[in-house]
Amino acid sequence: MAKCDNLKKKLLLTLEFLHRRTDEDHSATSADLFTYLQNHGITCERKSLYTDLDALEDYGLDIIRTTGKTASFRLASRTFDLAELKLLADAVLSSKFLSQRKSMELLRKLETLTSEHNAGQLRRQLVVSGRVKTMNESVLYSVDALYQAIAQNSQIRFRYFEWDRNKERRDRGGERLASPYALCWDDANYYLIAHTPEHGLTHFRVDKMYHIELTGEPRTQTDETRGLKLSDYSTQVFGMFGGPVRHVMLRFENSLAGVVIDRFGKDVILIPDGPDHFLYTAQVRISPNFLSWVISFGRRAQILGPEDVVQSCRELCEQAMQACAAQTP
């Protein structure tokens, strides 16, 4: 029995060796593998190593071998290539909803999906680790609970907090009840799109939610929730600030066509308005963030209507001017 267990262990260690010590650019020899097995308490004939490699190839591993005096072998392909892992590493490190500690834990796990030679390249992604991160360690468990609630068609009960200037958590509004419908990622933060009795269709920062419980009660169904399209919702909302949905006529200089397409998608209809401008009608949620987005382009962008939205934009500009004037000595 001991001999059989050693054979199984030898095969598993050979697989581990291939993953950790070889890749498309780094090969190993049978002597390297033999030493690795010996360091793990396995002694065997070198010829049996090739039998194990044959078995792993039959299993489906992409092993490339060379022959001759410098005979070697390497694992040529994996589930994730290095470029994909770098992309995932950057997403993990730049995600605001993950704490610094959790980001580092996930990065170490990603490193196990490539060789030791390439793991160092993932560690060099740490140049982004100075980005703003959440201080909520339980966010992954919150995401899991919310996905469960959506899958089980259950309302949730939760609490919501905000940070005060002393960097202390302060409960905001007591216990809340909501019907969760979707999770979306905006500006590196996770948001829950949900229906609440007080606000209808709205959203919450997931990293600010805590004490999430599934009530077991069916989610509230309304015309808004039945017609919810996540892509439309995320396009309408600027900076994840809500507001009434309106059709707004906008006028832009031609140089801003790329900006409009990046924001609203490639299917937008841009109507020429003279040689230097175009018109676009957007369905958006009117908020200070949307108005500020238009204002940021100065004379190159203009809200043509409806009139109440134009007036809101004027008032926001006046408030900003008054705030600036108040700071003048």
C-alpha atoms as a PDB file:
ATOM      1  CA  MET A   1       0.000   0.000   0.000  1.00  0.00           C
ATOM      2  CA  ALA A   2       2.852   2.375   0.869  1.00  0.00           C
ATOM      3  CA  LYS A   3       4.407   1.781  -2.546  1.00  0.00           C
ATOM      4  CA  CYS A   4       1.091   2.570  -4.264  1.00  0.00           C
ATOM      5  CA  ASP A   5       0.698   5.788  -2.222  1.00  0.00           C
ATOM      6  CA  ASN A   6       4.230   6.826  -3.215  1.00  0.00           C
ATOM      7  CA  LEU A   7       3.431   6.296  -6.880  1.00  0.00           C
ATOM      8  CA  LYS A   8       0.383   8.552  -6.586  1.00  0.00           C
ATOM      9  CA  LYS A   9       2.370  11.148  -4.677  1.00  0.00           C
ATOM     10  CA  LYS A  10       5.164  11.004  -7.283  1.00  0.00           C
ATOM     11  CA  LEU A  11       2.735  11.717 -10.098  1.00  0.00           C
ATOM     12  CA  LEU A  12       1.162  14.639  -8.216  1.00  0.00           C
ATOM     13  CA  LEU A  13       4.574  16.094  -7.373  1.00  0.00           C
ATOM     14  CA  THR A  14       5.598  15.793 -11.031  1.00  0.00           C
ATOM     15  CA  LEU A  15       2.491  17.752 -12.001  1.00  0.00           C
ATOM     16  CA  GLU A  16       3.298  20.368  -9.343  1.00  0.00           C
ATOM     17  CA  PHE A  17       6.876  20.606 -10.620  1.00  0.00           C
ATOM     18  CA  LEU A  18       5.707  21.246 -14.167  1.00  0.00           C
ATOM     19  CA  HIS A  19       3.387  24.038 -13.029  1.00  0.00           C
ATOM     20  CA  ARG A  20       5.825  25.718 -10.656  1.00  0.00           C
ATOM     21  CA  ARG A  21       9.220  25.276 -12.334  1.00  0.00           C
ATOM     22  CA  THR A  22       8.509  25.296 -16.082  1.00  0.00           C
ATOM     23  CA  ASP A  23       6.608  27.416 -18.600  1.00  0.00           C
ATOM     24  CA  GLU A  24       6.755  28.231 -22.307  1.00  0.00           C
ATOM     25  CA  ASP A  25      10.126  29.962 -21.822  1.00  0.00           C
ATOM     26  CA  HIS A  26      11.712  27.805 -19.086  1.00  0.00           C
ATOM     27  CA  SER A  27      12.504  24.098 -19.414  1.00  0.00           C
ATOM     28  CA  ALA A  28      13.719  21.515 -16.894  1.00  0.00           C
ATOM     29  CA  THR A  29      15.680  18.284 -17.098  1.00  0.00           C
ATOM     30  CA  SER A  30      15.004  14.870 -15.631  1.00  0.00           C
ATOM     31  CA  ALA A  31      17.809  15.600 -13.137  1.00  0.00           C
ATOM     32  CA  ASP A  32      15.925  18.716 -11.969  1.00  0.00           C
ATOM     33  CA  LEU A  33      12.748  16.687 -11.467  1.00  0.00           C
ATOM     34  CA  PHE A  34      14.648  13.838  -9.801  1.00  0.00           C
ATOM     35  CA  THR A  35      16.154  16.275  -7.257  1.00  0.00           C
ATOM     36  CA  TYR A  36      12.743  17.875  -6.658  1.00  0.00           C
ATOM     37  CA  LEU A  37      11.199  14.479  -5.871  1.00  0.00           C
ATOM     38  CA  GLN A  38      14.079  13.534  -3.590  1.00  0.00           C
ATOM     39  CA  ASN A  39      13.622  16.788  -1.649  1.00  0.00           C
ATOM     40  CA  HIS A  40      10.021  15.718  -1.075  1.00  0.00           C
ATOM     41  CA  GLY A  41      10.972  12.254   0.163  1.00  0.00           C
ATOM     42  CA  ILE A  42      10.361  10.333  -3.077  1.00  0.00           C
ATOM     43  CA  THR A  43      13.030   8.015  -4.494  1.00  0.00           C
ATOM     44  CA  CYS A  44      12.578   6.329  -7.859  1.00  0.00           C
ATOM     45  CA  GLU A  45      14.303   5.282 -11.056  1.00  0.00           C
ATOM     46  CA  ARG A  46      14.803   8.060 -13.549  1.00  0.00           C
ATOM     47  CA  LYS A  47      13.187   6.015 -16.285  1.00  0.00           C
ATOM     48  CA  SER A  48       9.881   6.108 -14.377  1.00  0.00           C
ATOM     49  CA  LEU A  49       9.848   9.900 -14.676  1.00  0.00           C
ATOM     50  CA  TYR A  50       9.198   9.631 -18.395  1.00  0.00           C
ATOM     51  CA  THR A  51       6.347   7.209 -17.745  1.00  0.00           C
ATOM     52  CA  ASP A  52       4.735   9.857 -15.534  1.00  0.00           C
ATOM     53  CA  LEU A  53       5.229  12.524 -18.204  1.00  0.00           C
ATOM     54  CA  ASP A  54       3.575  10.192 -20.749  1.00  0.00           C
ATOM     55  CA  ALA A  55       0.611   9.747 -18.373  1.00  0.00           C
ATOM     56  CA  LEU A  56       0.242  13.496 -17.903  1.00  0.00           C
ATOM     57  CA  GLU A  57       0.364  14.061 -21.657  1.00  0.00           C
ATOM     58  CA  ASP A  58      -2.342  11.420 -22.118  1.00  0.00           C
ATOM     59  CA  TYR A  59      -4.365  13.295 -19.490  1.00  0.00           C
ATOM     60  CA  GLY A  60      -4.196  16.401 -21.708  1.00  0.00           C
ATOM     61  CA  LEU A  61      -1.238  18.476 -20.515  1.00  0.00           C
ATOM     62  CA  ASP A  62       0.634  20.331 -23.239  1.00  0.00           C
ATOM     63  CA  ILE A  63       4.197  19.146 -22.511  1.00  0.00           C
ATOM     64  CA  ILE A  64       6.971  19.928 -24.983  1.00  0.00           C
ATOM     65  CA  ARG A  65      10.097  17.753 -24.862  1.00  0.00           C
ATOM     66  CA  THR A  66      13.508  18.068 -26.441  1.00  0.00           C
ATOM     67  CA  THR A  67      15.929  15.196 -26.986  1.00  0.00           C
ATOM     68  CA  GLY A  68      19.693  14.856 -27.075  1.00  0.00           C
ATOM     69  CA  LYS A  69      22.397  15.537 -24.500  1.00  0.00           C
ATOM     70  CA  THR A  70      20.395  18.424 -23.050  1.00  0.00           C
ATOM     71  CA  ALA A  71      17.028  16.625 -23.087  1.00  0.00           C
ATOM     72  CA  SER A  72      14.420  18.722 -21.353  1.00  0.00           C
ATOM     73  CA  PHE A  73      10.688  19.275 -21.003  1.00  0.00           C
ATOM     74  CA  ARG A  74       8.322  22.121 -20.184  1.00  0.00           C
ATOM     75  CA  LEU A  75       4.648  22.877 -19.718  1.00  0.00           C
ATOM     76  CA  ALA A  76       3.799  24.941 -22.799  1.00  0.00           C
ATOM     77  CA  SER A  77       0.266  26.149 -22.053  1.00  0.00           C
ATOM     78  CA  ARG A  78      -2.049  26.719 -19.098  1.00  0.00           C
ATOM     79  CA  THR A  79      -5.619  27.710 -18.377  1.00  0.00           C
ATOM     80  CA  PHE A  80      -4.500  31.370 -18.061  1.00  0.00           C
ATOM     81  CA  ASP A  81      -1.581  32.812 -19.993  1.00  0.00           C
ATOM     82  CA  LEU A  82       0.640  35.484 -18.434  1.00  0.00           C
ATOM     83  CA  ALA A  83      -1.048  38.418 -20.191  1.00  0.00           C
ATOM     84  CA  GLU A  84      -4.440  37.319 -18.839  1.00  0.00           C
ATOM     85  CA  LEU A  85      -3.056  36.947 -15.307  1.00  0.00           C
ATOM     86  CA  LYS A  86      -1.526  40.442 -15.478  1.00  0.00           C
ATOM     87  CA  LEU A  87      -4.928  41.787 -16.469  1.00  0.00           C
ATOM     88  CA  LEU A  88      -6.589  40.004 -13.542  1.00  0.00           C
ATOM     89  CA  ALA A  89      -3.870  41.161 -11.148  1.00  0.00           C
ATOM     90  CA  ASP A  90      -4.342  44.773 -12.183  1.00  0.00           C
ATOM     91  CA  ALA A  91      -8.125  44.468 -11.783  1.00  0.00           C
ATOM     92  CA  VAL A  92      -7.669  43.066  -8.270  1.00  0.00           C
ATOM     93  CA  LEU A  93      -5.150  45.705  -7.195  1.00  0.00           C
ATOM     94  CA  SER A  94      -7.074  48.634  -8.657  1.00  0.00           C
ATOM     95  CA  SER A  95     -10.496  47.580  -7.309  1.00  0.00           C
ATOM     96  CA  LYS A  96     -11.572  50.079  -4.688  1.00  0.00           C
ATOM     97  CA  PHE A  97     -14.082  47.662  -3.177  1.00  0.00           C
ATOM     98  CA  LEU A  98     -11.285  45.273  -2.115  1.00  0.00           C
ATOM     99  CA  SER A  99      -9.175  46.091   0.923  1.00  0.00           C
ATOM    100  CA  GLN A 100      -5.389  46.183   0.574  1.00  0.00           C
ATOM    101  CA  ARG A 101      -5.041  42.958   2.586  1.00  0.00           C
ATOM    102  CA  LYS A 102      -7.646  41.095   0.503  1.00  0.00           C
ATOM    103  CA  SER A 103      -6.045  42.337  -2.726  1.00  0.00           C
ATOM    104  CA  MET A 104      -2.695  40.926  -1.649  1.00  0.00           C
ATOM    105  CA  GLU A 105      -4.291  37.582  -0.708  1.00  0.00           C
ATOM    106  CA  LEU A 106      -5.894  37.298  -4.139  1.00  0.00           C
ATOM    107  CA  LEU A 107      -2.656  38.316  -5.871  1.00  0.00           C
ATOM    108  CA  ARG A 108      -0.787  35.514  -4.085  1.00  0.00           C
ATOM    109  CA  LYS A 109      -3.443  33.059  -5.281  1.00  0.00           C
ATOM    110  CA  LEU A 110      -3.122  34.337  -8.851  1.00  0.00           C
ATOM    111  CA  GLU A 111       0.634  33.742  -8.645  1.00  0.00           C
ATOM    112  CA  THR A 112      -0.026  30.013  -8.130  1.00  0.00           C
ATOM    113  CA  LEU A 113      -1.594  29.878 -11.596  1.00  0.00           C
ATOM    114  CA  THR A 114       1.726  30.546 -13.305  1.00  0.00           C
ATOM    115  CA  SER A 115       5.339  29.428 -12.913  1.00  0.00           C
ATOM    116  CA  GLU A 116       7.728  30.753 -10.282  1.00  0.00           C
ATOM    117  CA  HIS A 117       9.594  32.548 -13.082  1.00  0.00           C
ATOM    118  CA  ASN A 118       6.482  34.506 -14.145  1.00  0.00           C
ATOM    119  CA  ALA A 119       5.130  35.095 -10.638  1.00  0.00           C
ATOM    120  CA  GLY A 120       7.701  37.863 -10.265  1.00  0.00           C
ATOM    121  CA  GLN A 121       6.119  39.716 -13.190  1.00  0.00           C
ATOM    122  CA  LEU A 122       2.771  39.684 -11.395  1.00  0.00           C
ATOM    123  CA  ARG A 123       4.411  41.100  -8.263  1.00  0.00           C
ATOM    124  CA  ARG A 124       5.655  44.027 -10.332  1.00  0.00           C
ATOM    125  CA  GLN A 125       1.989  44.986 -10.733  1.00  0.00           C
ATOM    126  CA  LEU A 126       2.325  46.334  -7.170  1.00  0.00           C
ATOM    127  CA  VAL A 127       3.063  49.761  -8.607  1.00  0.00           C
ATOM    128  CA  VAL A 128      -0.708  50.343  -8.476  1.00  0.00           C
ATOM    129  CA  SER A 129      -1.070  49.317  -4.838  1.00  0.00           C
ATOM    130  CA  GLY A 130      -1.159  52.949  -3.705  1.00  0.00           C
ATOM    131  CA  ARG A 131      -4.640  53.423  -5.147  1.00  0.00           C
ATOM    132  CA  VAL A 132      -7.524  54.207  -2.794  1.00  0.00           C
ATOM    133  CA  LYS A 133      -8.922  51.012  -1.254  1.00  0.00           C
ATOM    134  CA  THR A 134     -11.919  50.203   0.902  1.00  0.00           C
ATOM    135  CA  MET A 135     -11.567  49.644   4.643  1.00  0.00           C
ATOM    136  CA  ASN A 136     -14.385  47.086   4.671  1.00  0.00           C
ATOM    137  CA  GLU A 137     -12.848  43.578   4.946  1.00  0.00           C
ATOM    138  CA  SER A 138     -16.158  41.704   4.519  1.00  0.00           C
ATOM    139  CA  VAL A 139     -17.044  42.967   1.037  1.00  0.00           C
ATOM    140  CA  LEU A 140     -16.522  39.594  -0.705  1.00  0.00           C
ATOM    141  CA  TYR A 141     -18.963  37.943   1.686  1.00  0.00           C
ATOM    142  CA  SER A 142     -21.430  40.763   1.009  1.00  0.00           C
ATOM    143  CA  VAL A 143     -21.157  40.166  -2.743  1.00  0.00           C
ATOM    144  CA  ASP A 144     -21.750  36.456  -2.224  1.00  0.00           C
ATOM    145  CA  ALA A 145     -24.828  37.108  -0.046  1.00  0.00           C
ATOM    146  CA  LEU A 146     -26.263  39.500  -2.635  1.00  0.00           C
ATOM    147  CA  TYR A 147     -25.805  37.018  -5.479  1.00  0.00           C
ATOM    148  CA  GLN A 148     -27.576  34.405  -3.352  1.00  0.00           C
ATOM    149  CA  ALA A 149     -30.476  36.782  -2.719  1.00  0.00           C
ATOM    150  CA  ILE A 150     -30.820  37.522  -6.448  1.00  0.00           C
ATOM    151  CA  ALA A 151     -30.677  33.817  -7.336  1.00  0.00           C
ATOM    152  CA  GLN A 152     -33.258  32.955  -4.659  1.00  0.00           C
ATOM    153  CA  ASN A 153     -35.581  35.889  -5.506  1.00  0.00           C
ATOM    154  CA  SER A 154     -35.324  37.100  -1.917  1.00  0.00           C
ATOM    155  CA  GLN A 155     -35.534  40.555  -0.404  1.00  0.00           C
ATOM    156  CA  ILE A 156     -32.666  41.587   1.862  1.00  0.00           C
ATOM    157  CA  ARG A 157     -32.377  43.401   5.155  1.00  0.00           C
ATOM    158  CA  PHE A 158     -29.183  45.380   5.732  1.00  0.00           C
ATOM    159  CA  ARG A 159     -27.546  48.423   7.232  1.00  0.00           C
ATOM    160  CA  TYR A 160     -25.597  51.160   5.453  1.00  0.00           C
ATOM    161  CA  PHE A 161     -22.751  53.300   6.745  1.00  0.00           C
ATOM    162  CA  GLU A 162     -20.663  56.309   5.788  1.00  0.00           C
ATOM    163  CA  TRP A 163     -17.260  57.521   6.931  1.00  0.00           C
ATOM    164  CA  ASP A 164     -17.011  60.670   9.051  1.00  0.00           C
ATOM    165  CA  ARG A 165     -14.042  63.017   9.058  1.00  0.00           C
ATOM    166  CA  ASN A 166     -12.470  61.043  11.906  1.00  0.00           C
ATOM    167  CA  LYS A 167     -12.458  57.990   9.591  1.00  0.00           C
ATOM    168  CA  GLU A 168     -15.003  56.240  11.768  1.00  0.00           C
ATOM    169  CA  ARG A 169     -18.008  54.330  10.485  1.00  0.00           C
ATOM    170  CA  ARG A 170     -21.364  55.986  11.127  1.00  0.00           C
ATOM    171  CA  ASP A 171     -24.656  54.189  10.545  1.00  0.00           C
ATOM    172  CA  ARG A 172     -26.786  55.924   7.959  1.00  0.00           C
ATOM    173  CA  GLY A 173     -30.535  55.555   8.194  1.00  0.00           C
ATOM    174  CA  GLY A 174     -30.901  52.444  10.359  1.00  0.00           C
ATOM    175  CA  GLU A 175     -32.062  49.062   9.065  1.00  0.00           C
ATOM    176  CA  ARG A 176     -33.163  48.988   5.429  1.00  0.00           C
ATOM    177  CA  LEU A 177     -35.241  46.648   3.275  1.00  0.00           C
ATOM    178  CA  ALA A 178     -34.562  46.194  -0.436  1.00  0.00           C
ATOM    179  CA  SER A 179     -35.177  43.904  -3.392  1.00  0.00           C
ATOM    180  CA  PRO A 180     -31.790  43.223  -5.071  1.00  0.00           C
ATOM    181  CA  TYR A 181     -31.761  42.887  -8.853  1.00  0.00           C
ATOM    182  CA  ALA A 182     -28.220  43.256 -10.157  1.00  0.00           C
ATOM    183  CA  LEU A 183     -24.619  44.021  -9.267  1.00  0.00           C
ATOM    184  CA  CYS A 184     -22.548  46.327 -11.422  1.00  0.00           C
ATOM    185  CA  TRP A 185     -19.006  47.669 -11.385  1.00  0.00           C
ATOM    186  CA  ASP A 186     -18.493  51.393 -11.918  1.00  0.00           C
ATOM    187  CA  ASP A 187     -15.292  53.390 -11.327  1.00  0.00           C
ATOM    188  CA  ALA A 188     -13.712  50.323  -9.646  1.00  0.00           C
ATOM    189  CA  ASN A 189     -16.530  50.067  -7.083  1.00  0.00           C
ATOM    190  CA  TYR A 190     -19.259  47.424  -6.776  1.00  0.00           C
ATOM    191  CA  TYR A 191     -22.852  48.704  -6.681  1.00  0.00           C
ATOM    192  CA  LEU A 192     -26.102  46.899  -5.934  1.00  0.00           C
ATOM    193  CA  ILE A 193     -29.055  47.947  -8.064  1.00  0.00           C
ATOM    194  CA  ALA A 194     -32.167  47.365  -5.992  1.00  0.00           C
ATOM    195  CA  HIS A 195     -35.758  48.473  -5.404  1.00  0.00           C
ATOM    196  CA  THR A 196     -36.645  50.024  -2.054  1.00  0.00           C
ATOM    197  CA  PRO A 197     -40.044  51.153  -0.715  1.00  0.00           C
ATOM    198  CA  GLU A 198     -38.676  54.674  -0.133  1.00  0.00           C
ATOM    199  CA  HIS A 199     -36.770  55.363  -3.363  1.00  0.00           C
ATOM    200  CA  GLY A 200     -37.976  52.867  -5.971  1.00  0.00           C
ATOM    201  CA  LEU A 201     -35.144  51.717  -8.233  1.00  0.00           C
ATOM    202  CA  THR A 202     -31.870  52.892  -6.706  1.00  0.00           C
ATOM    203  CA  HIS A 203     -28.347  51.658  -5.924  1.00  0.00           C
ATOM    204  CA  PHE A 204     -25.961  51.178  -2.998  1.00  0.00           C
ATOM    205  CA  ARG A 205     -22.166  50.906  -2.681  1.00  0.00           C
ATOM    206  CA  VAL A 206     -21.615  47.276  -1.709  1.00  0.00           C
ATOM    207  CA  ASP A 207     -18.558  48.027   0.425  1.00  0.00           C
ATOM    208  CA  LYS A 208     -20.756  50.289   2.592  1.00  0.00           C
ATOM    209  CA  MET A 209     -23.396  47.621   3.195  1.00  0.00           C
ATOM    210  CA  TYR A 210     -23.198  45.342   6.239  1.00  0.00           C
ATOM    211  CA  HIS A 211     -25.318  42.920   8.282  1.00  0.00           C
ATOM    212  CA  ILE A 212     -26.887  41.676   5.032  1.00  0.00           C
ATOM    213  CA  GLU A 213     -29.616  39.083   5.620  1.00  0.00           C
ATOM    214  CA  LEU A 214     -31.952  37.288   3.229  1.00  0.00           C
ATOM    215  CA  THR A 215     -35.552  37.680   4.425  1.00  0.00           C
ATOM    216  CA  GLY A 216     -37.008  34.901   2.273  1.00  0.00           C
ATOM    217  CA  GLU A 217     -39.772  37.259   1.123  1.00  0.00           C
ATOM    218  CA  PRO A 218     -40.149  37.524  -2.684  1.00  0.00           C
ATOM    219  CA  ARG A 219     -38.601  40.599  -4.296  1.00  0.00           C
ATOM    220  CA  THR A 220     -40.844  43.529  -5.177  1.00  0.00           C
ATOM    221  CA  GLN A 221     -41.832  43.529  -8.850  1.00  0.00           C
ATOM    222  CA  THR A 222     -42.600  46.829 -10.600  1.00  0.00           C
ATOM    223  CA  ASP A 223     -42.581  48.066 -14.188  1.00  0.00           C
ATOM    224  CA  GLU A 224     -39.116  49.509 -13.489  1.00  0.00           C
ATOM    225  CA  THR A 225     -37.665  46.238 -12.237  1.00  0.00           C
ATOM    226  CA  ARG A 226     -39.308  44.100 -14.909  1.00  0.00           C
ATOM    227  CA  GLY A 227     -37.852  46.317 -17.633  1.00  0.00           C
ATOM    228  CA  LEU A 228     -34.447  46.732 -15.978  1.00  0.00           C
ATOM    229  CA  LYS A 229     -31.498  46.489 -18.354  1.00  0.00           C
ATOM    230  CA  LEU A 230     -28.180  46.746 -16.571  1.00  0.00           C
ATOM    231  CA  SER A 231     -26.417  48.233 -19.608  1.00  0.00           C
ATOM    232  CA  ASP A 232     -29.058  50.979 -19.928  1.00  0.00           C
ATOM    233  CA  TYR A 233     -29.005  51.763 -16.222  1.00  0.00           C
ATOM    234  CA  SER A 234     -25.224  52.120 -16.040  1.00  0.00           C
ATOM    235  CA  THR A 235     -25.270  54.392 -19.109  1.00  0.00           C
ATOM    236  CA  GLN A 236     -27.966  56.666 -17.656  1.00  0.00           C
ATOM    237  CA  VAL A 237     -26.263  57.110 -14.291  1.00  0.00           C
ATOM    238  CA  PHE A 238     -23.221  59.388 -13.995  1.00  0.00           C
ATOM    239  CA  GLY A 239     -20.818  58.559 -11.164  1.00  0.00           C
ATOM    240  CA  MET A 240     -23.567  56.288  -9.798  1.00  0.00           C
ATOM    241  CA  PHE A 241     -25.576  59.342  -8.697  1.00  0.00           C
ATOM    242  CA  GLY A 242     -29.294  58.799  -9.205  1.00  0.00           C
ATOM    243  CA  GLY A 243     -32.044  61.181 -10.234  1.00  0.00           C
ATOM    244  CA  PRO A 244     -35.132  61.401 -12.446  1.00  0.00           C
ATOM    245  CA  VAL A 245     -34.755  59.852 -15.902  1.00  0.00           C
ATOM    246  CA  ARG A 246     -35.110  62.421 -18.672  1.00  0.00           C
ATOM    247  CA  HIS A 247     -34.485  62.658 -22.401  1.00  0.00           C
ATOM    248  CA  VAL A 248     -31.948  65.455 -22.796  1.00  0.00           C
ATOM    249  CA  MET A 249     -30.988  67.115 -26.073  1.00  0.00           C
ATOM    250  CA  LEU A 250     -27.243  67.813 -26.199  1.00  0.00           C
ATOM    251  CA  ARG A 251     -25.094  69.701 -28.698  1.00  0.00           C
ATOM    252  CA  PHE A 252     -21.381  68.932 -29.044  1.00  0.00           C
ATOM    253  CA  GLU A 253     -18.443  70.037 -31.135  1.00  0.00           C
ATOM    254  CA  ASN A 254     -17.366  67.331 -33.586  1.00  0.00           C
ATOM    255  CA  SER A 255     -14.133  66.818 -31.639  1.00  0.00           C
ATOM    256  CA  LEU A 256     -16.189  65.295 -28.802  1.00  0.00           C
ATOM    257  CA  ALA A 257     -17.708  62.495 -30.915  1.00  0.00           C
ATOM    258  CA  GLY A 258     -15.296  59.956 -29.396  1.00  0.00           C
ATOM    259  CA  VAL A 259     -16.191  61.094 -25.865  1.00  0.00           C
ATOM    260  CA  VAL A 260     -19.924  60.618 -26.541  1.00  0.00           C
ATOM    261  CA  ILE A 261     -19.373  57.186 -28.107  1.00  0.00           C
ATOM    262  CA  ASP A 262     -17.168  56.095 -25.179  1.00  0.00           C
ATOM    263  CA  ARG A 263     -19.847  57.191 -22.700  1.00  0.00           C
ATOM    264  CA  PHE A 264     -23.060  56.083 -24.433  1.00  0.00           C
ATOM    265  CA  GLY A 265     -21.927  53.277 -26.742  1.00  0.00           C
ATOM    266  CA  LYS A 266     -21.236  52.719 -30.413  1.00  0.00           C
ATOM    267  CA  ASP A 267     -24.924  52.508 -31.382  1.00  0.00           C
ATOM    268  CA  VAL A 268     -25.584  56.212 -30.669  1.00  0.00           C
ATOM    269  CA  ILE A 269     -27.175  58.322 -33.380  1.00  0.00           C
ATOM    270  CA  LEU A 270     -25.231  61.541 -33.888  1.00  0.00           C
ATOM    271  CA  ILE A 271     -27.126  64.110 -35.961  1.00  0.00           C
ATOM    272  CA  PRO A 272     -25.003  66.701 -37.813  1.00  0.00           C
ATOM    273  CA  ASP A 273     -25.778  70.299 -36.815  1.00  0.00           C
ATOM    274  CA  GLY A 274     -23.816  72.478 -39.179  1.00  0.00           C
ATOM    275  CA  PRO A 275     -20.208  71.802 -40.203  1.00  0.00           C
ATOM    276  CA  ASP A 276     -18.721  71.854 -36.687  1.00  0.00           C
ATOM    277  CA  HIS A 277     -21.336  70.346 -34.333  1.00  0.00           C
ATOM    278  CA  PHE A 278     -23.680  67.396 -33.841  1.00  0.00           C
ATOM    279  CA  LEU A 279     -26.777  66.724 -31.741  1.00  0.00           C
ATOM    280  CA  TYR A 280     -27.417  63.737 -29.503  1.00  0.00           C
ATOM    281  CA  THR A 281     -30.478  62.926 -27.386  1.00  0.00           C
ATOM    282  CA  ALA A 282     -29.487  61.004 -24.259  1.00  0.00           C
ATOM    283  CA  GLN A 283     -31.689  59.269 -21.724  1.00  0.00           C
ATOM    284  CA  VAL A 284     -29.976  60.022 -18.422  1.00  0.00           C
ATOM    285  CA  ARG A 285     -30.656  60.398 -14.722  1.00  0.00           C
ATOM    286  CA  ILE A 286     -30.396  64.100 -13.962  1.00  0.00           C
ATOM    287  CA  SER A 287     -27.833  64.641 -11.213  1.00  0.00           C
ATOM    288  CA  PRO A 288     -25.098  67.152 -10.382  1.00  0.00           C
ATOM    289  CA  ASN A 289     -22.605  64.608 -11.760  1.00  0.00           C
ATOM    290  CA  PHE A 290     -24.291  64.556 -15.174  1.00  0.00           C
ATOM    291  CA  LEU A 291     -24.508  68.357 -15.274  1.00  0.00           C
ATOM    292  CA  SER A 292     -20.854  68.646 -14.200  1.00  0.00           C
ATOM    293  CA  TRP A 293     -19.881  66.231 -16.967  1.00  0.00           C
ATOM    294  CA  VAL A 294     -21.460  68.542 -19.567  1.00  0.00           C
ATOM    295  CA  ILE A 295     -20.026  71.689 -17.940  1.00  0.00           C
ATOM    296  CA  SER A 296     -16.518  70.187 -17.966  1.00  0.00           C
ATOM    297  CA  PHE A 297     -16.390  70.588 -21.776  1.00  0.00           C
ATOM    298  CA  GLY A 298     -16.949  74.348 -21.567  1.00  0.00           C
ATOM    299  CA  ARG A 299     -18.147  75.896 -24.828  1.00  0.00           C
ATOM    300  CA  ARG A 300     -17.754  72.600 -26.673  1.00  0.00           C
ATOM    301  CA  ALA A 301     -20.923  71.082 -25.134  1.00  0.00           C
ATOM    302  CA  GLN A 302     -24.387  72.491 -24.483  1.00  0.00           C
ATOM    303  CA  ILE A 303     -27.712  71.308 -23.043  1.00  0.00           C
ATOM    304  CA  LEU A 304     -30.528  72.410 -25.375  1.00  0.00           C
ATOM    305  CA  GLY A 305     -33.469  71.018 -23.436  1.00  0.00           C
ATOM    306  CA  PRO A 306     -35.704  70.394 -21.661  1.00  0.00           C
ATOM    307  CA  GLU A 307     -35.754  73.846 -20.122  1.00  0.00           C
ATOM    308  CA  ASP A 308     -35.823  72.687 -16.477  1.00  0.00           C
ATOM    309  CA  VAL A 309     -32.601  70.713 -17.046  1.00  0.00           C
ATOM    310  CA  VAL A 310     -31.023  73.771 -18.692  1.00  0.00           C
ATOM    311  CA  GLN A 311     -32.061  75.816 -15.658  1.00  0.00           C
ATOM    312  CA  SER A 312     -30.578  73.220 -13.270  1.00  0.00           C
ATOM    313  CA  CYS A 313     -27.295  73.471 -15.167  1.00  0.00           C
ATOM    314  CA  ARG A 314     -27.315  77.285 -14.872  1.00  0.00           C
ATOM    315  CA  GLU A 315     -28.013  77.074 -11.141  1.00  0.00           C
ATOM    316  CA  LEU A 316     -25.149  74.618 -10.633  1.00  0.00           C
ATOM    317  CA  CYS A 317     -22.774  76.988 -12.444  1.00  0.00           C
ATOM    318  CA  GLU A 318     -23.992  79.920 -10.335  1.00  0.00           C
ATOM    319  CA  GLN A 319     -23.496  77.923  -7.117  1.00  0.00           C
ATOM    320  CA  ALA A 320     -19.961  77.036  -8.183  1.00  0.00           C
ATOM    321  CA  MET A 321     -19.204  80.689  -8.999  1.00  0.00           C
ATOM    322  CA  GLN A 322     -20.568  81.800  -5.614  1.00  0.00           C
ATOM    323  CA  ALA A 323     -18.456  79.190  -3.841  1.00  0.00           C
ATOM    324  CA  CYS A 324     -15.355  80.406  -5.687  1.00  0.00           C
ATOM    325  CA  ALA A 325     -16.196  84.043  -4.921  1.00  0.00           C
ATOM    326  CA  ALA A 326     -16.602  83.206  -1.237  1.00  0.00           C
ATOM    327  CA  GLN A 327     -12.977  82.013  -1.169  1.00  0.00           C
ATOM    328  CA  THR A 328     -11.609  85.229  -2.714  1.00  0.00           C
ATOM    329  CA  PRO A 329      -9.696  87.357  -0.121  1.00  0.00           C
END
